[in-house]
């Protein structure tokens, strides 16, 4: 079965090799798709992560003429009957969680990368002429406790005494 986005290369009763043409250079990428009772196994591992068949599996389902029964290959959390049962007034069942990969639930979260701010850095700013005149007019600071020069209230020798 050929489509403009993929085709079946090899097939047996339950295992298919699906070639998908990517957008870059139209180079085919091959994936192995296998059907078990209600589980689709693909080398892309989309079903294990999300709980629904991937594009490769849907192409293989169409080739094996199992597309009308594709509802059986979805996880229960994707079905509308589960949604309706979870939100009905009489139901005590909770919504089934999606099947997630161990990597996502491991709890490892790296710090975000720090991006460079726009504009000129403030420390390297060229001071204006008026700003330099104000700095020259300023007197040296005095201590707030003893009113002497050369230190501040925090480092005052009288404070320690």
N, C-alpha and C. Protein backbone atom coordinates (compact mmCIF):
# COMPACT_ATOMS: atom_id res chain seq x y z
N UNK A 1 0.84 -1.18 0.00
CA UNK A 1 0.00 0.00 0.00
C UNK A 1 0.88 1.23 0.00
N UNK A 2 0.77 2.05 -1.00
CA UNK A 2 1.60 3.25 -1.11
C UNK A 2 0.75 4.47 -0.83
N UNK A 3 1.33 5.41 -0.18
CA UNK A 3 0.69 6.69 0.09
C UNK A 3 1.72 7.76 -0.20
N UNK A 4 1.30 9.02 -0.23
CA UNK A 4 2.28 10.05 -0.53
C UNK A 4 3.21 10.30 0.66
N UNK A 5 2.88 9.77 1.85
CA UNK A 5 3.74 9.97 3.02
C UNK A 5 4.37 8.69 3.53
N UNK A 6 4.02 7.54 2.99
CA UNK A 6 4.64 6.31 3.46
C UNK A 6 4.17 5.09 2.69
N UNK A 7 4.91 3.99 2.85
CA UNK A 7 4.55 2.75 2.18
C UNK A 7 5.05 1.57 2.99
N UNK A 8 4.46 0.39 2.74
CA UNK A 8 4.85 -0.84 3.41
C UNK A 8 5.95 -1.50 2.58
N UNK A 9 7.11 -1.73 3.19
CA UNK A 9 8.21 -2.40 2.48
C UNK A 9 8.08 -3.91 2.55
N UNK A 10 7.99 -4.45 3.76
CA UNK A 10 7.88 -5.89 3.96
C UNK A 10 6.74 -6.14 4.92
N UNK A 11 6.12 -7.31 4.82
CA UNK A 11 5.05 -7.62 5.76
C UNK A 11 4.94 -9.12 5.97
N UNK A 12 4.44 -9.47 7.16
CA UNK A 12 4.06 -10.84 7.48
C UNK A 12 2.68 -10.76 8.11
N UNK A 13 2.25 -11.76 8.83
CA UNK A 13 0.89 -11.74 9.39
C UNK A 13 0.72 -10.66 10.45
N UNK A 14 1.74 -10.44 11.28
CA UNK A 14 1.58 -9.45 12.35
C UNK A 14 2.72 -8.44 12.42
N UNK A 15 3.70 -8.52 11.53
CA UNK A 15 4.84 -7.60 11.57
C UNK A 15 5.00 -6.91 10.23
N UNK A 16 5.20 -5.60 10.27
CA UNK A 16 5.32 -4.80 9.06
C UNK A 16 6.56 -3.92 9.15
N UNK A 17 7.18 -3.65 8.03
CA UNK A 17 8.24 -2.65 7.94
C UNK A 17 7.66 -1.49 7.15
N UNK A 18 7.50 -0.34 7.81
CA UNK A 18 6.87 0.82 7.21
C UNK A 18 7.96 1.83 6.88
N UNK A 19 7.98 2.31 5.63
CA UNK A 19 8.94 3.34 5.21
C UNK A 19 8.20 4.66 5.09
N UNK A 20 8.62 5.63 5.88
CA UNK A 20 8.01 6.96 5.87
C UNK A 20 8.98 7.92 5.20
N UNK A 21 8.48 8.72 4.29
CA UNK A 21 9.32 9.70 3.62
C UNK A 21 9.29 11.00 4.41
N UNK A 22 10.48 11.42 4.86
CA UNK A 22 10.56 12.65 5.65
C UNK A 22 10.57 13.85 4.71
N UNK A 23 10.37 15.04 5.28
CA UNK A 23 10.33 16.26 4.48
C UNK A 23 11.68 16.68 3.97
N UNK A 24 12.76 16.29 4.64
CA UNK A 24 14.10 16.72 4.25
C UNK A 24 14.66 15.72 3.25
N UNK A 25 14.81 16.10 2.01
CA UNK A 25 15.43 15.26 1.00
C UNK A 25 14.61 14.05 0.58
N UNK A 26 13.42 13.89 1.12
CA UNK A 26 12.54 12.76 0.79
C UNK A 26 13.21 11.41 1.03
N UNK A 27 14.04 11.32 2.06
CA UNK A 27 14.75 10.09 2.39
C UNK A 27 13.83 9.21 3.22
N UNK A 28 13.62 7.95 2.81
CA UNK A 28 12.73 7.09 3.60
C UNK A 28 13.38 6.63 4.91
N UNK A 29 12.59 6.69 5.98
CA UNK A 29 13.01 6.20 7.29
C UNK A 29 12.12 5.00 7.61
N UNK A 30 12.72 3.88 8.00
CA UNK A 30 11.95 2.65 8.19
C UNK A 30 11.68 2.40 9.67
N UNK A 31 10.45 1.95 9.95
CA UNK A 31 10.02 1.61 11.30
C UNK A 31 9.39 0.22 11.27
N UNK A 32 9.64 -0.55 12.32
CA UNK A 32 9.05 -1.89 12.44
C UNK A 32 7.79 -1.79 13.28
N UNK A 33 6.68 -2.29 12.76
CA UNK A 33 5.39 -2.24 13.46
C UNK A 33 4.92 -3.67 13.65
N UNK A 34 4.50 -4.00 14.89
CA UNK A 34 4.02 -5.34 15.19
C UNK A 34 2.71 -5.23 15.96
N UNK A 35 1.73 -6.08 15.61
CA UNK A 35 0.43 -6.09 16.27
C UNK A 35 0.34 -7.29 17.19
N UNK A 36 -0.02 -7.04 18.45
CA UNK A 36 -0.37 -8.11 19.38
C UNK A 36 -1.87 -7.97 19.64
N UNK A 37 -2.40 -8.64 20.66
CA UNK A 37 -3.84 -8.65 20.90
C UNK A 37 -4.46 -7.25 20.82
N UNK A 38 -4.13 -6.40 21.79
CA UNK A 38 -4.67 -5.04 21.79
C UNK A 38 -3.55 -4.01 21.86
N UNK A 39 -2.35 -4.44 21.52
CA UNK A 39 -1.19 -3.57 21.66
C UNK A 39 -0.48 -3.45 20.31
N UNK A 40 -0.08 -2.23 20.00
CA UNK A 40 0.72 -1.99 18.81
C UNK A 40 2.13 -1.68 19.27
N UNK A 41 3.10 -2.40 18.75
CA UNK A 41 4.50 -2.12 19.07
C UNK A 41 5.17 -1.58 17.83
N UNK A 42 5.75 -0.39 17.96
CA UNK A 42 6.45 0.25 16.86
C UNK A 42 7.84 0.61 17.33
N UNK A 43 8.80 0.59 16.42
CA UNK A 43 10.17 0.94 16.82
C UNK A 43 10.29 2.42 17.16
N UNK A 44 9.30 3.22 16.83
CA UNK A 44 9.27 4.63 17.22
C UNK A 44 8.84 4.80 18.68
N UNK A 45 8.20 3.78 19.27
CA UNK A 45 7.76 3.68 20.66
C UNK A 45 6.72 4.75 21.04
N UNK A 46 5.91 5.16 20.08
CA UNK A 46 4.87 6.16 20.34
C UNK A 46 3.73 5.56 21.16
N UNK A 47 3.36 4.30 20.87
CA UNK A 47 2.25 3.68 21.60
C UNK A 47 2.61 3.52 23.07
N UNK A 48 3.85 3.16 23.38
CA UNK A 48 4.26 2.99 24.77
C UNK A 48 4.24 4.32 25.51
N UNK A 49 4.52 5.41 24.82
CA UNK A 49 4.55 6.73 25.45
C UNK A 49 3.16 7.33 25.62
N UNK A 50 2.36 7.29 24.57
CA UNK A 50 1.10 8.03 24.55
C UNK A 50 -0.12 7.14 24.71
N UNK A 51 -0.08 5.94 24.20
CA UNK A 51 -1.21 5.04 24.33
C UNK A 51 -2.11 5.01 23.12
N UNK A 52 -1.66 5.57 22.00
CA UNK A 52 -2.43 5.52 20.77
C UNK A 52 -1.50 5.13 19.62
N UNK A 53 -2.03 4.52 18.57
CA UNK A 53 -1.18 4.11 17.45
C UNK A 53 -0.56 5.31 16.74
N UNK A 54 0.67 5.14 16.28
CA UNK A 54 1.36 6.20 15.55
C UNK A 54 0.98 6.13 14.07
N UNK A 55 1.53 7.03 13.28
CA UNK A 55 1.25 7.07 11.85
C UNK A 55 1.68 5.78 11.17
N UNK A 56 2.81 5.23 11.62
CA UNK A 56 3.31 3.99 11.03
C UNK A 56 2.34 2.84 11.29
N UNK A 57 1.82 2.80 12.51
CA UNK A 57 0.89 1.74 12.88
C UNK A 57 -0.43 1.88 12.12
N UNK A 58 -0.89 3.12 11.93
CA UNK A 58 -2.13 3.33 11.18
C UNK A 58 -1.96 2.90 9.72
N UNK A 59 -0.80 3.15 9.15
CA UNK A 59 -0.54 2.72 7.78
C UNK A 59 -0.52 1.19 7.70
N UNK A 60 0.08 0.54 8.69
CA UNK A 60 0.10 -0.92 8.72
C UNK A 60 -1.30 -1.49 8.98
N UNK A 61 -2.10 -0.81 9.81
CA UNK A 61 -3.49 -1.25 10.05
C UNK A 61 -4.29 -1.17 8.75
N UNK A 62 -4.08 -0.10 8.00
CA UNK A 62 -4.80 0.04 6.74
C UNK A 62 -4.39 -1.04 5.76
N UNK A 63 -3.10 -1.37 5.74
CA UNK A 63 -2.61 -2.40 4.82
C UNK A 63 -3.16 -3.78 5.19
N UNK A 64 -3.27 -4.06 6.48
CA UNK A 64 -3.78 -5.37 6.92
C UNK A 64 -5.30 -5.39 7.05
N UNK A 65 -5.96 -4.32 6.63
CA UNK A 65 -7.42 -4.19 6.64
C UNK A 65 -8.00 -4.32 8.04
N UNK A 66 -7.28 -3.83 9.04
CA UNK A 66 -7.76 -3.80 10.42
C UNK A 66 -8.13 -2.39 10.86
N UNK A 67 -8.17 -1.46 9.90
CA UNK A 67 -8.46 -0.07 10.23
C UNK A 67 -9.84 0.14 10.85
N UNK A 68 -10.90 -0.60 10.43
CA UNK A 68 -12.20 -0.43 11.11
C UNK A 68 -12.15 -0.83 12.59
N UNK A 69 -11.24 -1.73 12.97
CA UNK A 69 -11.13 -2.17 14.36
C UNK A 69 -10.01 -1.45 15.11
N UNK A 70 -9.62 -0.27 14.65
CA UNK A 70 -8.48 0.40 15.27
C UNK A 70 -8.79 0.91 16.67
N UNK A 71 -10.06 0.97 17.05
CA UNK A 71 -10.42 1.42 18.40
C UNK A 71 -9.84 0.48 19.45
N UNK A 72 -9.70 -0.79 19.12
CA UNK A 72 -9.15 -1.75 20.09
C UNK A 72 -7.68 -1.51 20.36
N UNK A 73 -6.99 -0.76 19.50
CA UNK A 73 -5.56 -0.51 19.69
C UNK A 73 -5.28 0.79 20.45
N UNK A 74 -6.30 1.49 20.91
CA UNK A 74 -6.13 2.70 21.72
C UNK A 74 -6.21 2.34 23.20
N UNK A 75 -5.46 3.04 24.03
CA UNK A 75 -5.51 2.85 25.48
C UNK A 75 -6.88 3.30 25.98
N UNK A 76 -7.36 2.72 27.09
CA UNK A 76 -8.70 3.04 27.61
C UNK A 76 -8.86 4.52 27.95
N UNK A 77 -7.80 5.20 28.31
CA UNK A 77 -7.92 6.61 28.69
C UNK A 77 -8.27 7.50 27.50
N UNK A 78 -8.11 7.03 26.26
CA UNK A 78 -8.45 7.81 25.07
C UNK A 78 -9.89 7.60 24.63
N UNK A 79 -10.61 6.67 25.23
CA UNK A 79 -11.95 6.32 24.76
C UNK A 79 -12.99 7.24 25.40
N UNK A 80 -14.00 7.59 24.63
CA UNK A 80 -15.04 8.49 25.12
C UNK A 80 -15.89 7.82 26.19
N UNK A 81 -16.00 6.51 26.17
CA UNK A 81 -16.78 5.82 27.21
C UNK A 81 -16.11 5.97 28.58
N UNK A 82 -14.79 5.95 28.61
CA UNK A 82 -14.06 6.16 29.87
C UNK A 82 -14.26 7.58 30.36
N UNK A 83 -14.22 8.54 29.44
CA UNK A 83 -14.44 9.95 29.79
C UNK A 83 -15.84 10.15 30.36
N UNK A 84 -16.84 9.57 29.69
CA UNK A 84 -18.22 9.71 30.15
C UNK A 84 -18.43 9.04 31.49
N UNK A 85 -17.80 7.88 31.70
CA UNK A 85 -17.95 7.18 32.98
C UNK A 85 -17.26 7.94 34.11
N UNK A 86 -16.16 8.58 33.82
CA UNK A 86 -15.42 9.30 34.86
C UNK A 86 -16.17 10.55 35.31
N UNK A 87 -16.88 11.21 34.39
CA UNK A 87 -17.57 12.44 34.73
C UNK A 87 -19.06 12.26 34.98
N UNK A 88 -19.55 11.03 35.00
CA UNK A 88 -20.96 10.83 35.31
C UNK A 88 -21.17 11.05 36.81
N UNK A 89 -22.38 11.39 37.19
CA UNK A 89 -22.68 11.73 38.58
C UNK A 89 -22.60 10.50 39.49
N UNK A 90 -22.92 9.33 38.98
CA UNK A 90 -22.94 8.12 39.80
C UNK A 90 -21.59 7.42 39.87
N UNK A 91 -20.67 7.82 39.05
CA UNK A 91 -19.41 7.10 38.95
C UNK A 91 -18.44 7.48 40.07
N UNK A 92 -17.80 6.47 40.64
CA UNK A 92 -16.74 6.70 41.62
C UNK A 92 -15.37 6.46 41.00
N UNK A 93 -15.37 6.05 39.73
CA UNK A 93 -14.09 5.80 39.04
C UNK A 93 -13.42 7.13 38.72
N UNK A 94 -12.12 7.09 38.71
CA UNK A 94 -11.35 8.26 38.32
C UNK A 94 -10.83 8.06 36.91
N UNK A 95 -10.42 9.15 36.29
CA UNK A 95 -9.89 9.07 34.94
C UNK A 95 -8.58 8.30 34.97
N UNK A 96 -8.44 7.37 34.04
CA UNK A 96 -7.21 6.58 33.96
C UNK A 96 -6.06 7.47 33.51
N UNK A 97 -4.91 7.38 34.14
CA UNK A 97 -3.78 8.20 33.70
C UNK A 97 -3.22 7.69 32.38
N UNK A 98 -2.66 8.60 31.61
CA UNK A 98 -2.02 8.20 30.37
C UNK A 98 -0.76 7.40 30.66
N UNK A 99 -0.42 6.54 29.77
CA UNK A 99 0.80 5.75 29.91
C UNK A 99 1.97 6.66 29.52
N UNK A 100 2.83 6.96 30.49
CA UNK A 100 3.94 7.87 30.22
C UNK A 100 5.26 7.13 30.31
N UNK A 101 6.23 7.65 29.64
CA UNK A 101 7.56 7.07 29.64
C UNK A 101 8.22 7.33 30.98
N UNK A 102 9.09 6.42 31.42
CA UNK A 102 9.79 6.57 32.70
C UNK A 102 10.64 7.82 32.74
N UNK A 103 11.13 8.24 31.61
CA UNK A 103 11.98 9.44 31.57
C UNK A 103 11.19 10.67 32.00
N UNK A 104 9.92 10.73 31.62
CA UNK A 104 9.11 11.90 31.95
C UNK A 104 8.71 11.92 33.42
N UNK A 105 8.60 10.76 34.05
CA UNK A 105 8.15 10.70 35.44
C UNK A 105 9.28 10.55 36.43
N UNK A 106 10.51 10.58 35.95
CA UNK A 106 11.66 10.38 36.83
C UNK A 106 11.87 11.55 37.79
N UNK A 107 11.43 12.73 37.46
CA UNK A 107 11.58 13.88 38.34
C UNK A 107 12.85 14.67 38.10
N UNK A 108 13.61 14.31 37.09
CA UNK A 108 14.83 15.04 36.79
C UNK A 108 14.46 16.26 35.95
N UNK A 109 14.79 17.42 36.46
CA UNK A 109 14.45 18.65 35.75
C UNK A 109 15.66 19.57 35.81
N UNK A 110 16.26 19.82 34.69
CA UNK A 110 17.43 20.69 34.64
C UNK A 110 17.00 22.15 34.66
N UNK A 111 17.88 23.02 35.15
CA UNK A 111 17.60 24.45 35.18
C UNK A 111 17.56 24.98 33.75
N UNK A 112 16.70 25.96 33.50
CA UNK A 112 16.64 26.50 32.15
C UNK A 112 17.91 27.25 31.80
N UNK A 113 18.24 27.26 30.53
CA UNK A 113 19.44 27.98 30.11
C UNK A 113 19.18 29.48 30.21
N UNK A 114 20.17 30.21 30.67
CA UNK A 114 20.03 31.65 30.86
C UNK A 114 20.29 32.32 29.52
N UNK A 115 19.31 33.09 29.08
CA UNK A 115 19.46 33.77 27.80
C UNK A 115 20.04 35.16 28.03
N UNK A 116 20.78 35.64 27.06
CA UNK A 116 21.42 36.94 27.14
C UNK A 116 20.35 38.02 26.98
N UNK A 117 20.39 39.02 27.84
CA UNK A 117 19.41 40.10 27.80
C UNK A 117 19.68 41.01 26.61
N UNK A 118 18.64 41.68 26.15
CA UNK A 118 18.77 42.60 25.04
C UNK A 118 19.42 43.90 25.48
N UNK A 119 20.10 44.55 24.57
CA UNK A 119 20.66 45.87 24.84
C UNK A 119 22.07 45.82 25.41
N UNK A 120 22.59 46.99 25.69
CA UNK A 120 23.95 47.10 26.22
C UNK A 120 23.95 46.73 27.69
N UNK A 121 24.96 45.97 28.15
CA UNK A 121 25.04 45.63 29.57
C UNK A 121 25.20 46.88 30.42
N UNK A 122 24.51 46.94 31.56
CA UNK A 122 24.51 48.15 32.38
C UNK A 122 25.88 48.45 32.98
N UNK A 123 26.66 47.42 33.29
CA UNK A 123 27.98 47.65 33.89
C UNK A 123 28.95 48.24 32.88
N UNK A 124 28.74 48.01 31.62
CA UNK A 124 29.63 48.54 30.59
C UNK A 124 29.05 49.79 29.95
N UNK A 125 28.08 50.40 30.60
CA UNK A 125 27.43 51.58 30.06
C UNK A 125 28.39 52.76 30.07
N UNK A 126 28.38 53.53 29.01
CA UNK A 126 29.22 54.73 28.94
C UNK A 126 28.50 55.83 29.72
N UNK A 127 29.09 56.34 30.80
CA UNK A 127 28.40 57.36 31.59
C UNK A 127 28.34 58.69 30.84
N UNK A 128 27.25 59.42 31.08
CA UNK A 128 27.09 60.72 30.44
C UNK A 128 27.94 61.76 31.17
N UNK A 129 28.08 62.92 30.58
CA UNK A 129 28.90 63.98 31.17
C UNK A 129 28.28 64.47 32.48
N UNK A 130 26.96 64.56 32.53
CA UNK A 130 26.29 65.03 33.75
C UNK A 130 26.49 64.04 34.89
N UNK A 131 26.50 62.76 34.60
CA UNK A 131 26.69 61.75 35.64
C UNK A 131 28.09 61.83 36.23
N UNK A 132 29.11 62.09 35.41
CA UNK A 132 30.48 62.19 35.93
C UNK A 132 30.65 63.44 36.78
N UNK A 133 29.94 64.52 36.45
CA UNK A 133 30.02 65.75 37.26
C UNK A 133 29.41 65.51 38.64
N UNK A 134 28.32 64.76 38.72
CA UNK A 134 27.68 64.47 40.00
C UNK A 134 28.59 63.61 40.87
N UNK A 135 29.30 62.67 40.26
CA UNK A 135 30.20 61.80 41.01
C UNK A 135 31.36 62.61 41.58
N UNK A 136 31.88 63.57 40.81
CA UNK A 136 33.00 64.39 41.28
C UNK A 136 32.59 65.29 42.43
N UNK A 137 31.35 65.79 42.44
CA UNK A 137 30.87 66.68 43.50
C UNK A 137 30.58 65.93 44.79
N UNK A 138 30.38 64.63 44.73
CA UNK A 138 30.04 63.85 45.91
C UNK A 138 31.18 63.83 46.92
N UNK A 139 30.83 63.89 48.17
CA UNK A 139 31.84 63.78 49.23
C UNK A 139 31.98 62.31 49.61
N UNK A 140 33.08 61.99 50.26
CA UNK A 140 33.24 60.62 50.72
C UNK A 140 32.25 60.35 51.84
N UNK A 141 31.86 59.14 51.97
CA UNK A 141 30.83 58.77 52.95
C UNK A 141 31.40 58.74 54.36
N UNK A 142 30.52 58.97 55.29
CA UNK A 142 30.88 58.94 56.71
C UNK A 142 30.12 57.84 57.40
N UNK A 143 30.61 57.43 58.53
CA UNK A 143 29.96 56.42 59.35
C UNK A 143 28.72 57.04 59.99
N UNK A 144 27.65 56.27 60.08
CA UNK A 144 26.42 56.77 60.68
C UNK A 144 26.44 56.75 62.20
N UNK A 145 27.38 56.03 62.82
CA UNK A 145 27.44 55.96 64.28
C UNK A 145 28.41 57.00 64.86
N UNK A 146 29.65 57.01 64.33
CA UNK A 146 30.67 57.89 64.91
C UNK A 146 30.96 59.10 64.05
N UNK A 147 30.41 59.17 62.86
CA UNK A 147 30.55 60.29 61.94
C UNK A 147 31.98 60.48 61.45
N UNK A 148 32.79 59.42 61.43
CA UNK A 148 34.16 59.48 60.92
C UNK A 148 34.19 58.93 59.50
N UNK A 149 35.28 59.29 58.76
CA UNK A 149 35.47 58.79 57.40
C UNK A 149 36.16 57.43 57.42
N UNK A 150 36.06 56.69 56.30
CA UNK A 150 36.83 55.47 56.12
C UNK A 150 36.11 54.18 56.45
N UNK A 151 34.95 54.26 57.02
CA UNK A 151 34.18 53.05 57.29
C UNK A 151 32.69 53.41 57.35
N UNK A 152 31.86 52.40 57.50
CA UNK A 152 30.42 52.65 57.59
C UNK A 152 29.88 52.09 58.90
N UNK A 153 28.59 52.16 59.08
CA UNK A 153 27.98 51.74 60.34
C UNK A 153 28.22 50.25 60.62
N UNK A 154 28.21 49.44 59.58
CA UNK A 154 28.38 48.01 59.75
C UNK A 154 29.80 47.65 60.20
N UNK A 155 30.80 48.38 59.71
CA UNK A 155 32.20 48.07 60.06
C UNK A 155 32.76 49.03 61.10
N UNK A 156 31.93 49.76 61.79
CA UNK A 156 32.39 50.75 62.77
C UNK A 156 33.06 50.06 63.97
N UNK A 157 34.24 50.56 64.41
CA UNK A 157 34.90 49.95 65.57
C UNK A 157 34.16 50.21 66.88
N UNK A 158 33.38 51.27 66.96
CA UNK A 158 32.62 51.57 68.18
C UNK A 158 31.48 50.56 68.36
N UNK A 159 30.92 50.11 67.27
CA UNK A 159 29.81 49.16 67.33
C UNK A 159 30.24 47.86 68.01
N UNK A 160 31.47 47.41 67.76
CA UNK A 160 31.96 46.17 68.36
C UNK A 160 32.19 46.32 69.85
N UNK A 161 32.43 47.51 70.31
CA UNK A 161 32.77 47.72 71.72
C UNK A 161 31.57 47.66 72.62
